[in-house]
Amino acid sequence: MKRILLDSGLDPYALFAASRDDHPHAFILESLTGPARLAEHTFVGFDPEIIISYRSGILRSNGETVKTERPLEALRSILAKYEAPGVPGRYIGGLVGYVSYEFVRNLDSVPAHADSPFPEFEFGLYLDGVIVDHVRKRAEYFAHGRSRVEDLPKANKASPELSADSPKRQINQDRFMDAVAKVHVLPRFWDATGDRGEPGDAPPRGGSHGDDIPDCGHAAAGHDPSGDGAIPS
């Protein structure tokens, strides 16, 4: 593995911000607050060698598809030729990405929910990147194989411009009100004597705690993180 020293004053955030336009799979991993043992390094990666994803029995690797019910074994077979045993360092490249909650169905017998449009996992295989050591005031570029240090994005000290898409409605009002009706919750309470009230009972008045019991009204929940607007009954 090649290691090339960089300017010790390198700002990893500026480097990451400069990389996003040309490298959509760029990432930054850091922990600058908290226990000292966790706040030593920041890692920045740019352009992965391979993008690997898995969904509904199909593993995709840079456009190639493989049907498998054992995605972890298939992942290990892809990674086998990139092993780098004995190379020191907390991070020396490898897989960076996410594993979704739905992937648990591949590990244990759990009920399957509605199929998600997103991969159950997706990783980039990064063979180079930048390591900033905040304790030793040191920054370096590393690479397994060909060095691309000359192609590193030029960090801009100016604050990057942030943007966001306009908010979009996920559910119309009629469907929302129907969902509210389905999850309508009637209040329960404890009266001053310690007896539990039942739905439909009038709240107690007076006594040692009666005046402190608020009017619970209605409780409702209606947000679907999947974005399709459907709310389970």
Protein backbone atom coordinates (compact mmCIF):
# COMPACT_ATOMS: atom_id res chain seq x y z
CA MET A 1 0.00 0.00 0.00
CA LYS A 2 1.31 3.44 -0.96
CA ARG A 3 1.28 6.29 1.56
CA ILE A 4 1.91 9.90 0.47
CA LEU A 5 2.15 12.76 2.96
CA LEU A 6 -0.11 15.76 2.36
CA ASP A 7 -0.24 19.27 3.80
CA SER A 8 -0.73 18.86 7.56
CA GLY A 9 -3.19 21.77 7.52
CA LEU A 10 -5.54 20.00 5.13
CA ASP A 11 -9.20 20.62 5.99
CA PRO A 12 -11.02 17.29 5.45
CA TYR A 13 -14.43 18.99 5.34
CA ALA A 14 -13.34 21.36 2.58
CA LEU A 15 -11.82 18.40 0.73
CA PHE A 16 -15.08 16.46 0.97
CA ALA A 17 -17.14 19.48 -0.11
CA ALA A 18 -14.91 19.97 -3.16
CA SER A 19 -15.30 16.32 -4.16
CA ARG A 20 -19.09 15.99 -4.20
CA ASP A 21 -19.82 17.40 -7.66
CA ASP A 22 -17.42 15.09 -9.49
CA HIS A 23 -17.67 12.12 -7.13
CA PRO A 24 -21.28 11.28 -6.17
CA HIS A 25 -20.11 8.39 -3.97
CA ALA A 26 -17.68 10.50 -1.93
CA PHE A 27 -17.87 10.07 1.85
CA ILE A 28 -16.44 11.48 5.05
CA LEU A 29 -16.16 9.56 8.31
CA GLU A 30 -15.17 11.52 11.35
CA SER A 31 -15.55 11.85 15.08
CA LEU A 32 -14.14 15.12 16.30
CA THR A 33 -16.07 15.18 19.57
CA GLY A 34 -16.35 12.68 22.39
CA PRO A 35 -13.72 10.42 23.94
CA ALA A 36 -10.20 11.13 22.73
CA ARG A 37 -9.74 7.56 21.52
CA LEU A 38 -12.62 8.12 19.07
CA ALA A 39 -11.60 11.60 17.95
CA GLU A 40 -8.23 10.90 16.40
CA HIS A 41 -8.94 10.54 12.68
CA THR A 42 -11.07 11.75 9.79
CA PHE A 43 -11.33 9.60 6.65
CA VAL A 44 -12.34 10.85 3.21
CA GLY A 45 -13.04 8.65 0.19
CA PHE A 46 -13.94 9.65 -3.35
CA ASP A 47 -14.33 7.22 -6.21
CA PRO A 48 -14.94 3.55 -5.31
CA GLU A 49 -13.53 0.75 -7.44
CA ILE A 50 -16.83 -1.15 -7.25
CA ILE A 51 -20.41 -0.35 -6.21
CA ILE A 52 -22.07 -3.43 -4.71
CA SER A 53 -25.77 -3.62 -3.85
CA TYR A 54 -28.27 -6.32 -2.95
CA ARG A 55 -32.05 -6.40 -3.20
CA SER A 56 -34.62 -9.20 -3.40
CA GLY A 57 -32.15 -11.99 -4.13
CA ILE A 58 -30.10 -10.06 -6.71
CA LEU A 59 -26.52 -8.92 -6.04
CA ARG A 60 -25.27 -6.18 -8.36
CA SER A 61 -21.60 -5.35 -8.80
CA ASN A 62 -20.73 -2.58 -11.28
CA GLY A 63 -23.63 -3.57 -13.52
CA GLU A 64 -23.18 -7.33 -13.28
CA THR A 65 -25.99 -9.23 -11.61
CA VAL A 66 -25.94 -12.50 -9.69
CA LYS A 67 -28.93 -14.32 -8.21
CA THR A 68 -28.16 -15.49 -4.69
CA GLU A 69 -29.86 -16.26 -1.41
CA ARG A 70 -26.51 -15.97 0.37
CA PRO A 71 -25.53 -12.33 -0.19
CA LEU A 72 -22.81 -12.25 2.46
CA GLU A 73 -20.99 -15.21 0.89
CA ALA A 74 -21.24 -13.53 -2.51
CA LEU A 75 -19.87 -10.34 -1.00
CA ARG A 76 -16.93 -12.19 0.53
CA SER A 77 -16.09 -13.80 -2.81
CA ILE A 78 -15.89 -10.36 -4.45
CA LEU A 79 -13.66 -9.01 -1.69
CA ALA A 80 -11.28 -11.98 -1.56
CA LYS A 81 -8.89 -10.61 -4.18
CA TYR A 82 -8.64 -7.23 -2.43
CA GLU A 83 -7.44 -8.51 0.93
CA ALA A 84 -4.49 -6.65 2.48
CA PRO A 85 -3.43 -8.65 5.54
CA GLY A 86 -0.85 -7.14 7.87
CA VAL A 87 -1.29 -3.52 6.76
CA PRO A 88 -1.54 -1.34 9.90
CA GLY A 89 -4.15 1.32 10.42
CA ARG A 90 -7.71 1.77 11.67
CA TYR A 91 -8.91 2.40 8.13
CA ILE A 92 -6.95 1.35 5.07
CA GLY A 93 -9.78 1.25 2.55
CA GLY A 94 -12.51 -1.31 2.09
CA LEU A 95 -16.30 -1.24 2.14
CA VAL A 96 -18.20 1.89 3.10
CA GLY A 97 -21.98 2.04 2.81
CA TYR A 98 -25.14 1.00 4.61
CA VAL A 99 -27.23 -2.02 5.56
CA SER A 100 -30.99 -1.48 5.74
CA TYR A 101 -33.31 -2.86 8.39
CA GLU A 102 -34.95 -5.11 5.78
CA PHE A 103 -31.70 -7.07 5.42
CA VAL A 104 -32.42 -8.75 8.75
CA ARG A 105 -34.71 -11.19 6.91
CA ASN A 106 -31.51 -12.72 5.44
CA LEU A 107 -30.15 -13.33 8.94
CA ASP A 108 -33.17 -14.52 10.88
CA SER A 109 -36.76 -15.63 10.45
CA VAL A 110 -38.72 -12.41 10.75
CA PRO A 111 -41.93 -11.25 9.07
CA ALA A 112 -41.34 -9.62 5.69
CA HIS A 113 -42.84 -6.17 5.24
CA ALA A 114 -43.78 -4.51 1.97
CA ASP A 115 -40.95 -4.63 -0.53
CA SER A 116 -38.77 -1.49 -0.44
CA PRO A 117 -37.54 0.17 -3.65
CA PHE A 118 -34.13 0.64 -2.03
CA PRO A 119 -31.28 -1.90 -1.82
CA GLU A 120 -31.07 -3.99 1.32
CA PHE A 121 -27.42 -3.03 1.39
CA GLU A 122 -25.15 -0.92 -0.76
CA PHE A 123 -21.41 -0.47 -0.44
CA GLY A 124 -18.58 1.16 -2.30
CA LEU A 125 -15.21 -0.59 -2.32
CA TYR A 126 -12.63 2.15 -1.76
CA LEU A 127 -9.01 1.40 -2.59
CA ASP A 128 -7.67 4.88 -1.89
CA GLY A 129 -8.47 7.91 0.21
CA VAL A 130 -7.22 10.51 2.65
CA ILE A 131 -6.53 10.03 6.36
CA VAL A 132 -6.25 13.06 8.64
CA ASP A 133 -4.64 12.32 12.02
CA HIS A 134 -5.75 15.09 14.39
CA VAL A 135 -3.53 13.98 17.27
CA ARG A 136 -0.28 13.88 15.31
CA LYS A 137 -1.27 16.78 13.01
CA ARG A 138 -0.65 14.63 9.97
CA ALA A 139 -2.50 14.04 6.71
CA GLU A 140 -1.76 11.38 4.14
CA TYR A 141 -3.12 9.86 0.96
CA PHE A 142 -3.11 6.07 0.70
CA ALA A 143 -3.70 3.78 -2.25
CA HIS A 144 -3.81 0.07 -2.96
CA GLY A 145 -2.40 -0.15 -6.46
CA ARG A 146 -2.31 2.90 -8.73
CA SER A 147 -1.95 6.27 -7.01
CA ARG A 148 -4.44 8.98 -7.90
CA VAL A 149 -3.04 11.62 -5.57
CA GLU A 150 -2.71 14.08 -8.48
CA ASP A 151 -6.44 13.76 -9.11
CA LEU A 152 -7.50 14.70 -5.58
CA PRO A 153 -10.14 17.46 -5.53
CA LYS A 154 -8.76 20.87 -4.65
CA ALA A 155 -10.10 21.83 -1.23
CA ASN A 156 -11.69 25.28 -1.19
CA LYS A 157 -11.49 27.22 2.05
CA ALA A 158 -14.78 28.97 1.25
CA SER A 159 -17.89 27.54 2.84
CA PRO A 160 -19.74 25.32 0.36
CA GLU A 161 -23.22 26.32 -0.79
CA LEU A 162 -25.92 24.01 0.51
CA SER A 163 -29.12 23.31 -1.36
CA ALA A 164 -32.23 21.22 -0.90
CA ASP A 165 -35.16 20.19 -3.05
CA SER A 166 -38.54 21.77 -2.47
CA PRO A 167 -40.78 19.81 -0.08
CA LYS A 168 -43.16 17.37 -1.74
CA ARG A 169 -46.49 16.11 -0.46
CA GLN A 170 -46.36 12.40 0.39
CA ILE A 171 -50.05 11.88 1.10
CA ASN A 172 -53.24 13.77 0.27
CA GLN A 173 -55.55 15.11 2.96
CA ASP A 174 -58.27 12.48 2.52
CA ARG A 175 -55.84 9.58 2.93
CA PHE A 176 -54.27 11.30 5.93
CA MET A 177 -57.64 11.73 7.64
CA ASP A 178 -58.50 8.09 6.93
CA ALA A 179 -55.21 7.07 8.54
CA VAL A 180 -55.92 9.25 11.58
CA ALA A 181 -59.25 7.52 12.00
CA LYS A 182 -57.55 4.10 11.94
CA VAL A 183 -55.06 4.98 14.66
CA HIS A 184 -57.49 6.94 16.82
CA VAL A 185 -56.51 6.33 20.45
CA LEU A 186 -58.96 6.84 23.34
CA PRO A 187 -57.36 8.09 26.56
CA ARG A 188 -56.98 5.96 29.66
CA PHE A 189 -56.25 7.36 33.09
CA TRP A 190 -55.68 6.51 36.74
CA ASP A 191 -58.10 8.06 39.20
CA ALA A 192 -57.18 9.39 42.60
CA THR A 193 -57.83 6.04 44.28
CA GLY A 194 -55.44 4.20 41.96
CA ASP A 195 -58.15 2.49 39.88
CA ARG A 196 -57.53 2.44 36.17
CA GLY A 197 -60.19 4.10 34.06
CA GLU A 198 -61.52 2.51 30.90
CA PRO A 199 -62.20 4.10 27.50
CA GLY A 200 -65.46 6.02 27.65
CA ASP A 201 -65.31 6.64 31.40
CA ALA A 202 -65.54 10.23 32.51
CA PRO A 203 -62.28 11.61 33.96
CA PRO A 204 -62.39 11.97 37.75
CA ARG A 205 -63.08 15.37 39.19
CA GLY A 206 -61.67 16.65 42.46
CA GLY A 207 -59.68 14.46 44.85
CA SER A 208 -55.96 14.65 45.34
CA HIS A 209 -55.03 14.32 41.68
CA GLY A 210 -58.22 14.99 39.73
CA ASP A 211 -57.40 18.62 38.97
CA ASP A 212 -54.01 17.62 37.57
CA ILE A 213 -55.34 15.29 34.87
CA PRO A 214 -55.26 17.04 31.48
CA ASP A 215 -57.83 16.62 28.74
CA CYS A 216 -56.05 14.04 26.64
CA GLY A 217 -58.14 14.70 23.54
CA HIS A 218 -57.00 12.57 20.61
CA ALA A 219 -53.63 11.02 19.83
CA ALA A 220 -52.77 10.23 16.22
CA ALA A 221 -49.74 9.25 14.22
CA GLY A 222 -49.41 9.52 10.48
CA HIS A 223 -45.99 9.49 8.88
CA ASP A 224 -44.60 6.83 6.60
CA PRO A 225 -40.76 6.85 6.29
CA SER A 226 -40.88 4.82 3.09
CA GLY A 227 -42.36 7.82 1.29
CA ASP A 228 -45.29 6.04 -0.38
CA GLY A 229 -47.82 7.50 2.02
CA ALA A 230 -49.23 4.16 3.14
CA ILE A 231 -49.82 3.75 6.84
CA PRO A 232 -50.33 0.24 8.25
CA SER A 233 -53.61 -0.39 9.98
